[in-house]
C-alpha atoms as a PDB file:
ATOM      1  CA  UNK A   1      18.782 188.355 157.043  1.00  0.00           C
ATOM      2  CA  UNK A   2      20.529 186.842 154.039  1.00  0.00           C
ATOM      3  CA  UNK A   3      19.927 187.339 150.681  1.00  0.00           C
ATOM      4  CA  UNK A   4      18.172 184.235 148.797  1.00  0.00           C
ATOM      5  CA  UNK A   5      20.086 182.854 146.688  1.00  0.00           C
ATOM      6  CA  UNK A   6      19.478 182.685 143.250  1.00  0.00           C
ATOM      7  CA  UNK A   7      19.400 179.684 140.253  1.00  0.00           C
ATOM      8  CA  UNK A   8      21.749 179.956 137.540  1.00  0.00           C
ATOM      9  CA  UNK A   9      22.006 178.503 133.669  1.00  0.00           C
ATOM     10  CA  UNK A  10      23.671 175.509 132.699  1.00  0.00           C
ATOM     11  CA  UNK A  11      25.108 175.496 129.061  1.00  0.00           C
ATOM     12  CA  UNK A  12      25.634 171.984 128.604  1.00  0.00           C
ATOM     13  CA  UNK A  13      27.368 170.452 125.695  1.00  0.00           C
ATOM     14  CA  UNK A  14      25.820 167.078 124.377  1.00  0.00           C
ATOM     15  CA  UNK A  15      27.436 164.994 121.684  1.00  0.00           C
ATOM     16  CA  UNK A  16      26.923 165.474 117.586  1.00  0.00           C
ATOM     17  CA  UNK A  17      27.211 161.492 117.271  1.00  0.00           C
ATOM     18  CA  UNK A  18      29.255 159.500 119.306  1.00  0.00           C
ATOM     19  CA  UNK A  19      27.389 159.287 123.104  1.00  0.00           C
ATOM     20  CA  UNK A  20      31.045 158.723 124.399  1.00  0.00           C
ATOM     21  CA  UNK A  21      31.831 162.491 124.138  1.00  0.00           C
ATOM     22  CA  UNK A  22      30.030 163.825 126.930  1.00  0.00           C
ATOM     23  CA  UNK A  23      32.026 164.895 129.518  1.00  0.00           C
ATOM     24  CA  UNK A  24      31.149 163.610 132.749  1.00  0.00           C
ATOM     25  CA  UNK A  25      30.977 167.542 134.067  1.00  0.00           C
ATOM     26  CA  UNK A  26      28.020 167.475 132.007  1.00  0.00           C
ATOM     27  CA  UNK A  27      26.771 164.335 133.113  1.00  0.00           C
ATOM     28  CA  UNK A  28      26.505 165.345 136.598  1.00  0.00           C
ATOM     29  CA  UNK A  29      25.261 168.641 135.694  1.00  0.00           C
ATOM     30  CA  UNK A  30      21.966 167.300 134.129  1.00  0.00           C
ATOM     31  CA  UNK A  31      21.721 164.796 136.948  1.00  0.00           C
ATOM     32  CA  UNK A  32      21.528 167.829 139.435  1.00  0.00           C
ATOM     33  CA  UNK A  33      19.601 170.318 137.708  1.00  0.00           C
ATOM     34  CA  UNK A  34      16.386 171.124 138.781  1.00  0.00           C
ATOM     35  CA  UNK A  35      14.927 171.588 134.973  1.00  0.00           C
ATOM     36  CA  UNK A  36      16.386 170.415 131.690  1.00  0.00           C
ATOM     37  CA  UNK A  37      15.597 172.634 129.106  1.00  0.00           C
ATOM     38  CA  UNK A  38      15.843 170.671 125.625  1.00  0.00           C
ATOM     39  CA  UNK A  39      15.490 171.481 121.949  1.00  0.00           C
ATOM     40  CA  UNK A  40      13.219 168.613 121.436  1.00  0.00           C
ATOM     41  CA  UNK A  41      12.536 166.237 124.151  1.00  0.00           C
ATOM     42  CA  UNK A  42      12.034 163.529 122.163  1.00  0.00           C
ATOM     43  CA  UNK A  43      15.194 163.420 120.978  1.00  0.00           C
ATOM     44  CA  UNK A  44      16.801 164.369 123.974  1.00  0.00           C
ATOM     45  CA  UNK A  45      15.283 161.512 126.723  1.00  0.00           C
ATOM     46  CA  UNK A  46      16.996 159.231 124.294  1.00  0.00           C
ATOM     47  CA  UNK A  47      20.537 160.618 126.172  1.00  0.00           C
ATOM     48  CA  UNK A  48      19.203 161.299 129.498  1.00  0.00           C
ATOM     49  CA  UNK A  49      18.148 157.541 129.245  1.00  0.00           C
ATOM     50  CA  UNK A  50      21.149 156.288 128.229  1.00  0.00           C
ATOM     51  CA  UNK A  51      23.247 157.954 131.082  1.00  0.00           C
ATOM     52  CA  UNK A  52      20.429 157.330 133.704  1.00  0.00           C
ATOM     53  CA  UNK A  53      19.539 160.757 133.962  1.00  0.00           C
ATOM     54  CA  UNK A  54      16.097 161.141 135.568  1.00  0.00           C
ATOM     55  CA  UNK A  55      15.569 165.096 136.160  1.00  0.00           C
ATOM     56  CA  UNK A  56      12.381 166.915 134.663  1.00  0.00           C
ATOM     57  CA  UNK A  57      12.564 168.499 130.965  1.00  0.00           C
ATOM     58  CA  UNK A  58      10.685 170.742 129.401  1.00  0.00           C
ATOM     59  CA  UNK A  59      10.259 171.948 125.715  1.00  0.00           C
ATOM     60  CA  UNK A  60      12.658 175.204 124.535  1.00  0.00           C
ATOM     61  CA  UNK A  61      12.783 175.920 121.211  1.00  0.00           C
ATOM     62  CA  UNK A  62      12.757 178.113 118.264  1.00  0.00           C
ATOM     63  CA  UNK A  63       8.993 178.820 118.009  1.00  0.00           C
ATOM     64  CA  UNK A  64       8.645 179.627 122.013  1.00  0.00           C
ATOM     65  CA  UNK A  65      12.174 180.927 122.690  1.00  0.00           C
ATOM     66  CA  UNK A  66      10.808 184.078 123.990  1.00  0.00           C
ATOM     67  CA  UNK A  67       8.045 183.428 125.922  1.00  0.00           C
ATOM     68  CA  UNK A  68       9.791 180.332 127.272  1.00  0.00           C
ATOM     69  CA  UNK A  69      12.907 181.962 128.506  1.00  0.00           C
ATOM     70  CA  UNK A  70      11.226 184.003 129.746  1.00  0.00           C
ATOM     71  CA  UNK A  71       9.534 181.361 132.215  1.00  0.00           C
ATOM     72  CA  UNK A  72      12.249 179.775 132.628  1.00  0.00           C
ATOM     73  CA  UNK A  73      14.193 183.058 134.083  1.00  0.00           C
ATOM     74  CA  UNK A  74      11.917 183.577 136.367  1.00  0.00           C
ATOM     75  CA  UNK A  75      12.439 179.838 137.722  1.00  0.00           C
ATOM     76  CA  UNK A  76      16.050 181.042 137.961  1.00  0.00           C
ATOM     77  CA  UNK A  77      14.937 184.338 139.930  1.00  0.00           C
ATOM     78  CA  UNK A  78      13.455 181.647 142.660  1.00  0.00           C
ATOM     79  CA  UNK A  79      16.407 179.729 143.113  1.00  0.00           C
ATOM     80  CA  UNK A  80      16.346 177.193 140.379  1.00  0.00           C
ATOM     81  CA  UNK A  81      19.281 175.412 138.322  1.00  0.00           C
ATOM     82  CA  UNK A  82      18.273 175.159 134.657  1.00  0.00           C
ATOM     83  CA  UNK A  83      20.372 172.968 131.957  1.00  0.00           C
ATOM     84  CA  UNK A  84      20.106 173.832 128.888  1.00  0.00           C
ATOM     85  CA  UNK A  85      21.217 171.338 126.524  1.00  0.00           C
ATOM     86  CA  UNK A  86      20.539 171.606 122.040  1.00  0.00           C
ATOM     87  CA  UNK A  87      19.551 168.076 119.994  1.00  0.00           C
ATOM     88  CA  UNK A  88      23.331 167.725 119.556  1.00  0.00           C
ATOM     89  CA  UNK A  89      26.574 170.182 120.196  1.00  0.00           C
ATOM     90  CA  UNK A  90      27.151 173.245 122.185  1.00  0.00           C
ATOM     91  CA  UNK A  91      23.341 174.927 123.088  1.00  0.00           C
ATOM     92  CA  UNK A  92      23.569 178.934 121.627  1.00  0.00           C
ATOM     93  CA  UNK A  93      25.763 178.131 118.461  1.00  0.00           C
ATOM     94  CA  UNK A  94      23.018 178.109 115.660  1.00  0.00           C
ATOM     95  CA  UNK A  95      20.239 177.067 118.026  1.00  0.00           C
ATOM     96  CA  UNK A  96      17.971 179.288 120.108  1.00  0.00           C
ATOM     97  CA  UNK A  97      19.901 179.170 123.183  1.00  0.00           C
ATOM     98  CA  UNK A  98      21.271 183.006 122.710  1.00  0.00           C
ATOM     99  CA  UNK A  99      17.724 184.528 123.552  1.00  0.00           C
ATOM    100  CA  UNK A 100      17.438 182.457 127.199  1.00  0.00           C
ATOM    101  CA  UNK A 101      21.255 183.930 127.535  1.00  0.00           C
ATOM    102  CA  UNK A 102      20.375 187.256 127.062  1.00  0.00           C
ATOM    103  CA  UNK A 103      17.333 187.256 129.193  1.00  0.00           C
ATOM    104  CA  UNK A 104      19.408 185.544 132.054  1.00  0.00           C
ATOM    105  CA  UNK A 105      21.737 188.221 131.583  1.00  0.00           C
ATOM    106  CA  UNK A 106      19.386 191.364 131.784  1.00  0.00           C
ATOM    107  CA  UNK A 107      18.001 189.918 134.689  1.00  0.00           C
ATOM    108  CA  UNK A 108      20.973 189.158 136.653  1.00  0.00           C
ATOM    109  CA  UNK A 109      20.989 185.431 136.710  1.00  0.00           C
ATOM    110  CA  UNK A 110      24.564 183.504 136.754  1.00  0.00           C
ATOM    111  CA  UNK A 111      25.064 181.796 133.115  1.00  0.00           C
ATOM    112  CA  UNK A 112      28.001 179.337 132.520  1.00  0.00           C
ATOM    113  CA  UNK A 113      28.837 177.052 129.732  1.00  0.00           C
ATOM    114  CA  UNK A 114      30.251 173.459 130.179  1.00  0.00           C
ATOM    115  CA  UNK A 115      32.235 173.318 127.165  1.00  0.00           C
ATOM    116  CA  UNK A 116      32.466 169.994 124.674  1.00  0.00           C
ATOM    117  CA  UNK A 117      31.222 169.328 121.084  1.00  0.00           C
ATOM    118  CA  UNK A 118      30.497 171.842 118.398  1.00  0.00           C
ATOM    119  CA  UNK A 119      30.416 170.658 114.645  1.00  0.00           C
ATOM    120  CA  UNK A 120      31.745 173.936 113.104  1.00  0.00           C
ATOM    121  CA  UNK A 121      35.519 173.486 114.961  1.00  0.00           C
ATOM    122  CA  UNK A 122      35.482 169.641 114.794  1.00  0.00           C
ATOM    123  CA  UNK A 123      34.812 169.884 110.934  1.00  0.00           C
ATOM    124  CA  UNK A 124      37.015 172.996 111.052  1.00  0.00           C
ATOM    125  CA  UNK A 125      40.015 170.664 112.610  1.00  0.00           C
ATOM    126  CA  UNK A 126      39.588 167.770 110.282  1.00  0.00           C
ATOM    127  CA  UNK A 127      39.228 170.027 107.363  1.00  0.00           C
ATOM    128  CA  UNK A 128      42.694 170.794 105.999  1.00  0.00           C
ATOM    129  CA  UNK A 129      41.505 174.103 105.400  1.00  0.00           C
ATOM    130  CA  UNK A 130      43.552 177.399 107.594  1.00  0.00           C
ATOM    131  CA  UNK A 131      42.252 177.691 111.189  1.00  0.00           C
ATOM    132  CA  UNK A 132      43.772 180.228 112.360  1.00  0.00           C
ATOM    133  CA  UNK A 133      41.217 182.747 110.577  1.00  0.00           C
ATOM    134  CA  UNK A 134      37.722 181.916 110.187  1.00  0.00           C
ATOM    135  CA  UNK A 135      34.265 183.261 109.900  1.00  0.00           C
ATOM    136  CA  UNK A 136      31.326 180.952 111.089  1.00  0.00           C
ATOM    137  CA  UNK A 137      27.977 181.567 109.071  1.00  0.00           C
ATOM    138  CA  UNK A 138      25.815 178.288 110.389  1.00  0.00           C
ATOM    139  CA  UNK A 139      22.848 178.387 107.700  1.00  0.00           C
ATOM    140  CA  UNK A 140      22.885 180.692 105.398  1.00  0.00           C
ATOM    141  CA  UNK A 141      19.480 182.607 105.810  1.00  0.00           C
ATOM    142  CA  UNK A 142      16.258 181.465 103.986  1.00  0.00           C
ATOM    143  CA  UNK A 143      15.288 185.156 102.989  1.00  0.00           C
ATOM    144  CA  UNK A 144      16.399 185.924  99.039  1.00  0.00           C
ATOM    145  CA  UNK A 145      17.440 189.522  99.930  1.00  0.00           C
ATOM    146  CA  UNK A 146      19.096 188.336 103.532  1.00  0.00           C
ATOM    147  CA  UNK A 147      20.829 185.323 101.731  1.00  0.00           C
ATOM    148  CA  UNK A 148      22.019 187.357  98.719  1.00  0.00           C
ATOM    149  CA  UNK A 149      23.494 190.208 100.831  1.00  0.00           C
ATOM    150  CA  UNK A 150      25.631 187.325 103.065  1.00  0.00           C
ATOM    151  CA  UNK A 151      26.695 185.908  99.604  1.00  0.00           C
ATOM    152  CA  UNK A 152      27.855 189.423  98.628  1.00  0.00           C
ATOM    153  CA  UNK A 153      29.859 189.569 101.839  1.00  0.00           C
ATOM    154  CA  UNK A 154      30.975 186.502 101.631  1.00  0.00           C
ATOM    155  CA  UNK A 155      32.731 187.103  97.844  1.00  0.00           C
ATOM    156  CA  UNK A 156      35.531 188.858  99.116  1.00  0.00           C
ATOM    157  CA  UNK A 157      36.360 187.021 102.905  1.00  0.00           C
ATOM    158  CA  UNK A 158      39.695 185.916 103.102  1.00  0.00           C
ATOM    159  CA  UNK A 159      39.096 184.124 106.098  1.00  0.00           C
ATOM    160  CA  UNK A 160      37.970 180.021 105.978  1.00  0.00           C
ATOM    161  CA  UNK A 161      34.223 180.151 105.574  1.00  0.00           C
ATOM    162  CA  UNK A 162      32.105 177.192 107.834  1.00  0.00           C
ATOM    163  CA  UNK A 163      28.432 176.779 106.565  1.00  0.00           C
ATOM    164  CA  UNK A 164      25.843 174.189 107.693  1.00  0.00           C
ATOM    165  CA  UNK A 165      23.441 173.032 105.083  1.00  0.00           C
ATOM    166  CA  UNK A 166      20.594 170.184 105.676  1.00  0.00           C
ATOM    167  CA  UNK A 167      20.921 167.292 102.435  1.00  0.00           C
ATOM    168  CA  UNK A 168      17.594 169.064 101.150  1.00  0.00           C
ATOM    169  CA  UNK A 169      19.052 172.304 100.423  1.00  0.00           C
ATOM    170  CA  UNK A 170      22.597 170.705  99.850  1.00  0.00           C
ATOM    171  CA  UNK A 171      22.811 171.117  96.127  1.00  0.00           C
ATOM    172  CA  UNK A 172      21.190 174.728  95.305  1.00  0.00           C
ATOM    173  CA  UNK A 173      23.158 176.019  97.905  1.00  0.00           C
ATOM    174  CA  UNK A 174      26.412 174.601  96.487  1.00  0.00           C
ATOM    175  CA  UNK A 175      25.227 176.390  93.120  1.00  0.00           C
ATOM    176  CA  UNK A 176      24.684 179.695  94.760  1.00  0.00           C
ATOM    177  CA  UNK A 177      28.007 179.754  96.301  1.00  0.00           C
ATOM    178  CA  UNK A 178      30.060 178.182  93.076  1.00  0.00           C
ATOM    179  CA  UNK A 179      28.483 181.311  91.161  1.00  0.00           C
ATOM    180  CA  UNK A 180      29.566 183.707  94.150  1.00  0.00           C
ATOM    181  CA  UNK A 181      32.858 182.191  95.098  1.00  0.00           C
ATOM    182  CA  UNK A 182      34.134 180.877  91.883  1.00  0.00           C
ATOM    183  CA  UNK A 183      34.293 177.392  89.870  1.00  0.00           C
ATOM    184  CA  UNK A 184      37.390 176.635  91.754  1.00  0.00           C
ATOM    185  CA  UNK A 185      36.934 177.415  94.891  1.00  0.00           C
ATOM    186  CA  UNK A 186      38.429 174.520  97.651  1.00  0.00           C
ATOM    187  CA  UNK A 187      36.197 173.088 100.114  1.00  0.00           C
ATOM    188  CA  UNK A 188      35.666 169.747 102.557  1.00  0.00           C
ATOM    189  CA  UNK A 189      32.590 169.367 102.526  1.00  0.00           C
ATOM    190  CA  UNK A 190      32.006 167.049 105.892  1.00  0.00           C
ATOM    191  CA  UNK A 191      29.130 164.766 107.298  1.00  0.00           C
ATOM    192  CA  UNK A 192      28.485 162.323 109.853  1.00  0.00           C
ATOM    193  CA  UNK A 193      30.929 164.227 112.202  1.00  0.00           C
ATOM    194  CA  UNK A 194      32.164 161.304 115.004  1.00  0.00           C
ATOM    195  CA  UNK A 195      30.048 158.508 113.777  1.00  0.00           C
ATOM    196  CA  UNK A 196      31.070 155.412 111.962  1.00  0.00           C
ATOM    197  CA  UNK A 197      30.477 157.200 108.747  1.00  0.00           C
ATOM    198  CA  UNK A 198      32.204 159.884 109.267  1.00  0.00           C
ATOM    199  CA  UNK A 199      33.300 161.191 105.787  1.00  0.00           C
ATOM    200  CA  UNK A 200      35.434 164.084 104.352  1.00  0.00           C
ATOM    201  CA  UNK A 201      35.852 165.244 100.978  1.00  0.00           C
ATOM    202  CA  UNK A 202      37.844 168.071  99.628  1.00  0.00           C
ATOM    203  CA  UNK A 203      36.716 169.523  96.314  1.00  0.00           C
ATOM    204  CA  UNK A 204      36.109 172.122  94.460  1.00  0.00           C
ATOM    205  CA  UNK A 205      32.923 174.266  94.665  1.00  0.00           C
ATOM    206  CA  UNK A 206      32.284 173.433  90.829  1.00  0.00           C
ATOM    207  CA  UNK A 207      33.084 169.694  91.208  1.00  0.00           C
ATOM    208  CA  UNK A 208      31.024 169.743  94.725  1.00  0.00           C
ATOM    209  CA  UNK A 209      27.607 170.803  92.421  1.00  0.00           C
ATOM    210  CA  UNK A 210      28.619 167.792  90.042  1.00  0.00           C
ATOM    211  CA  UNK A 211      28.934 165.565  92.300  1.00  0.00           C
ATOM    212  CA  UNK A 212      26.084 166.256  94.602  1.00  0.00           C
ATOM    213  CA  UNK A 213      23.774 166.655  91.416  1.00  0.00           C
ATOM    214  CA  UNK A 214      24.810 162.938  90.359  1.00  0.00           C
ATOM    215  CA  UNK A 215      24.356 161.393  94.148  1.00  0.00           C
ATOM    216  CA  UNK A 216      22.016 162.260  96.108  1.00  0.00           C
ATOM    217  CA  UNK A 217      22.968 163.632  99.473  1.00  0.00           C
ATOM    218  CA  UNK A 218      22.092 162.147 102.960  1.00  0.00           C
ATOM    219  CA  UNK A 219      22.977 163.472 106.175  1.00  0.00           C
ATOM    220  CA  UNK A 220      23.684 167.002 107.597  1.00  0.00           C
ATOM    221  CA  UNK A 221      26.211 168.982 106.002  1.00  0.00           C
ATOM    222  CA  UNK A 222      29.631 171.106 107.659  1.00  0.00           C
ATOM    223  CA  UNK A 223      31.065 173.158 104.252  1.00  0.00           C
ATOM    224  CA  UNK A 224      34.047 174.647 105.199  1.00  0.00           C
ATOM    225  CA  UNK A 225      35.244 176.547 102.345  1.00  0.00           C
ATOM    226  CA  UNK A 226      38.848 178.319 101.675  1.00  0.00           C
ATOM    227  CA  UNK A 227      38.869 182.296 101.663  1.00  0.00           C
ATOM    228  CA  UNK A 228      39.409 184.474  99.164  1.00  0.00           C
ATOM    229  CA  UNK A 229      43.036 184.591  98.307  1.00  0.00           C
ATOM    230  CA  UNK A 230      45.414 187.739  99.185  1.00  0.00           C
ATOM    231  CA  UNK A 231      47.254 187.940  95.521  1.00  0.00           C
ATOM    232  CA  UNK A 232      43.611 187.750  94.250  1.00  0.00           C
ATOM    233  CA  UNK A 233      42.074 190.402  96.067  1.00  0.00           C
ATOM    234  CA  UNK A 234      45.256 192.493  95.192  1.00  0.00           C
ATOM    235  CA  UNK A 235      44.769 191.842  91.701  1.00  0.00           C
ATOM    236  CA  UNK A 236      41.751 193.182  91.723  1.00  0.00           C
ATOM    237  CA  UNK A 237      42.203 196.495  93.004  1.00  0.00           C
ATOM    238  CA  UNK A 238      45.167 196.916  90.790  1.00  0.00           C
ATOM    239  CA  UNK A 239      42.711 196.065  87.623  1.00  0.00           C
ATOM    240  CA  UNK A 240      40.847 198.749  89.158  1.00  0.00           C
ATOM    241  CA  UNK A 241      43.314 201.522  87.692  1.00  0.00           C
ATOM    242  CA  UNK A 242      44.469 199.704  83.983  1.00  0.00           C
ATOM    243  CA  UNK A 243      42.249 202.601  82.443  1.00  0.00           C
ATOM    244  CA  UNK A 244      44.107 204.930  83.680  1.00  0.00           C
ATOM    245  CA  UNK A 245      47.711 206.233  82.590  1.00  0.00           C
ATOM    246  CA  UNK A 246      50.156 206.652  85.011  1.00  0.00           C
ATOM    247  CA  UNK A 247      50.053 210.274  84.888  1.00  0.00           C
ATOM    248  CA  UNK A 248      46.327 210.456  84.591  1.00  0.00           C
ATOM    249  CA  UNK A 249      46.569 207.917  88.070  1.00  0.00           C
ATOM    250  CA  UNK A 250      49.072 210.492  89.712  1.00  0.00           C
ATOM    251  CA  UNK A 251      46.642 213.678  88.805  1.00  0.00           C
ATOM    252  CA  UNK A 252      43.531 211.888  90.357  1.00  0.00           C
ATOM    253  CA  UNK A 253      45.243 211.864  93.618  1.00  0.00           C
ATOM    254  CA  UNK A 254      46.848 215.585  92.977  1.00  0.00           C
ATOM    255  CA  UNK A 255      43.110 216.723  92.261  1.00  0.00           C
ATOM    256  CA  UNK A 256      41.971 214.682  95.998  1.00  0.00           C
ATOM    257  CA  UNK A 257      44.184 217.388  98.018  1.00  0.00           C
ATOM    258  CA  UNK A 258      47.321 215.281  97.760  1.00  0.00           C
ATOM    259  CA  UNK A 259      50.901 216.984  96.801  1.00  0.00           C
ATOM    260  CA  UNK A 260      52.660 215.309  94.072  1.00  0.00           C
ATOM    261  CA  UNK A 261      55.136 213.113  96.137  1.00  0.00           C
ATOM    262  CA  UNK A 262      52.464 211.073  97.859  1.00  0.00           C
ATOM    263  CA  UNK A 263      50.336 210.990  94.927  1.00  0.00           C
ATOM    264  CA  UNK A 264      53.080 209.029  93.307  1.00  0.00           C
ATOM    265  CA  UNK A 265      53.616 207.074  95.968  1.00  0.00           C
ATOM    266  CA  UNK A 266      49.447 206.439  96.452  1.00  0.00           C
ATOM    267  CA  UNK A 267      49.859 205.377  92.456  1.00  0.00           C
ATOM    268  CA  UNK A 268      53.037 202.780  92.834  1.00  0.00           C
ATOM    269  CA  UNK A 269      50.834 201.049  95.869  1.00  0.00           C
ATOM    270  CA  UNK A 270      47.605 200.822  93.524  1.00  0.00           C
ATOM    271  CA  UNK A 271      49.240 199.412  90.564  1.00  0.00           C
ATOM    272  CA  UNK A 272      51.896 197.069  92.890  1.00  0.00           C
ATOM    273  CA  UNK A 273      55.141 198.819  91.423  1.00  0.00           C
ATOM    274  CA  UNK A 274      57.874 200.661  93.066  1.00  0.00           C
ATOM    275  CA  UNK A 275      57.841 204.660  93.279  1.00  0.00           C
ATOM    276  CA  UNK A 276      60.731 205.115  90.869  1.00  0.00           C
ATOM    277  CA  UNK A 277      58.602 203.678  88.265  1.00  0.00           C
ATOM    278  CA  UNK A 278      56.026 205.871  88.582  1.00  0.00           C
ATOM    279  CA  UNK A 279      58.794 208.207  88.908  1.00  0.00           C
ATOM    280  CA  UNK A 280      60.470 207.475  85.361  1.00  0.00           C
ATOM    281  CA  UNK A 281      56.833 207.147  83.611  1.00  0.00           C
ATOM    282  CA  UNK A 282      56.535 210.795  84.810  1.00  0.00           C
ATOM    283  CA  UNK A 283      59.330 212.335  83.368  1.00  0.00           C
ATOM    284  CA  UNK A 284      58.493 210.612  80.156  1.00  0.00           C
END
């Protein structure tokens, strides 16, 4: 007797603004699924009605993520196909989708992702900031201690930084970022992605704080912040040694067990100078 076929989980990306951004594959998957698990059924019903999708919906959100995921996994183990959608964008990105994916993998249920819109990538590509290397922080944590830790980590981050923020927290978050990363750090402030009034403003953290103090934020925002320049990091590293003379600097490494030649090479690297400069200083 053949083994009973298991169901599967399909992560279905939905539009972040413009309904035309949904893919034909996602529409077909939503129609063919046995159950649609939606972050907010009241919001998602508008999308389903627009595309005449009649599949039954169930609520799956932050507050029921663990228990509801377990229920849905049981359904999939019994052969049902579940399509997961979020309010907007790709499930599992800054939403409770990661929990059901984890439980599916642990239970041996197949998981597949139907690609489509993601606000973080869409915003990054129009920001004008470097895109080769970036770090996605989503919403900064609300807990003060954890938030402070993340901000301190971002202080020396060289990659482009992507942060989400709601309008009622935007000004406060910009002030924290300004105080941590510096007044002159460039950023792009983007809102209403893919909609008629899509907006991108390029400014510094200092000017952004001033602007939103005078203009009340409206809508959901994506902040794309330029990483810390390597030249600035190197300058800070060199400044750590300014209180030592060259001889003291070399002797510091020799006391750690280095021979004189390697100590001079290390000191030269710290100070950003050629090794022969250190050699001349040592002779004097």
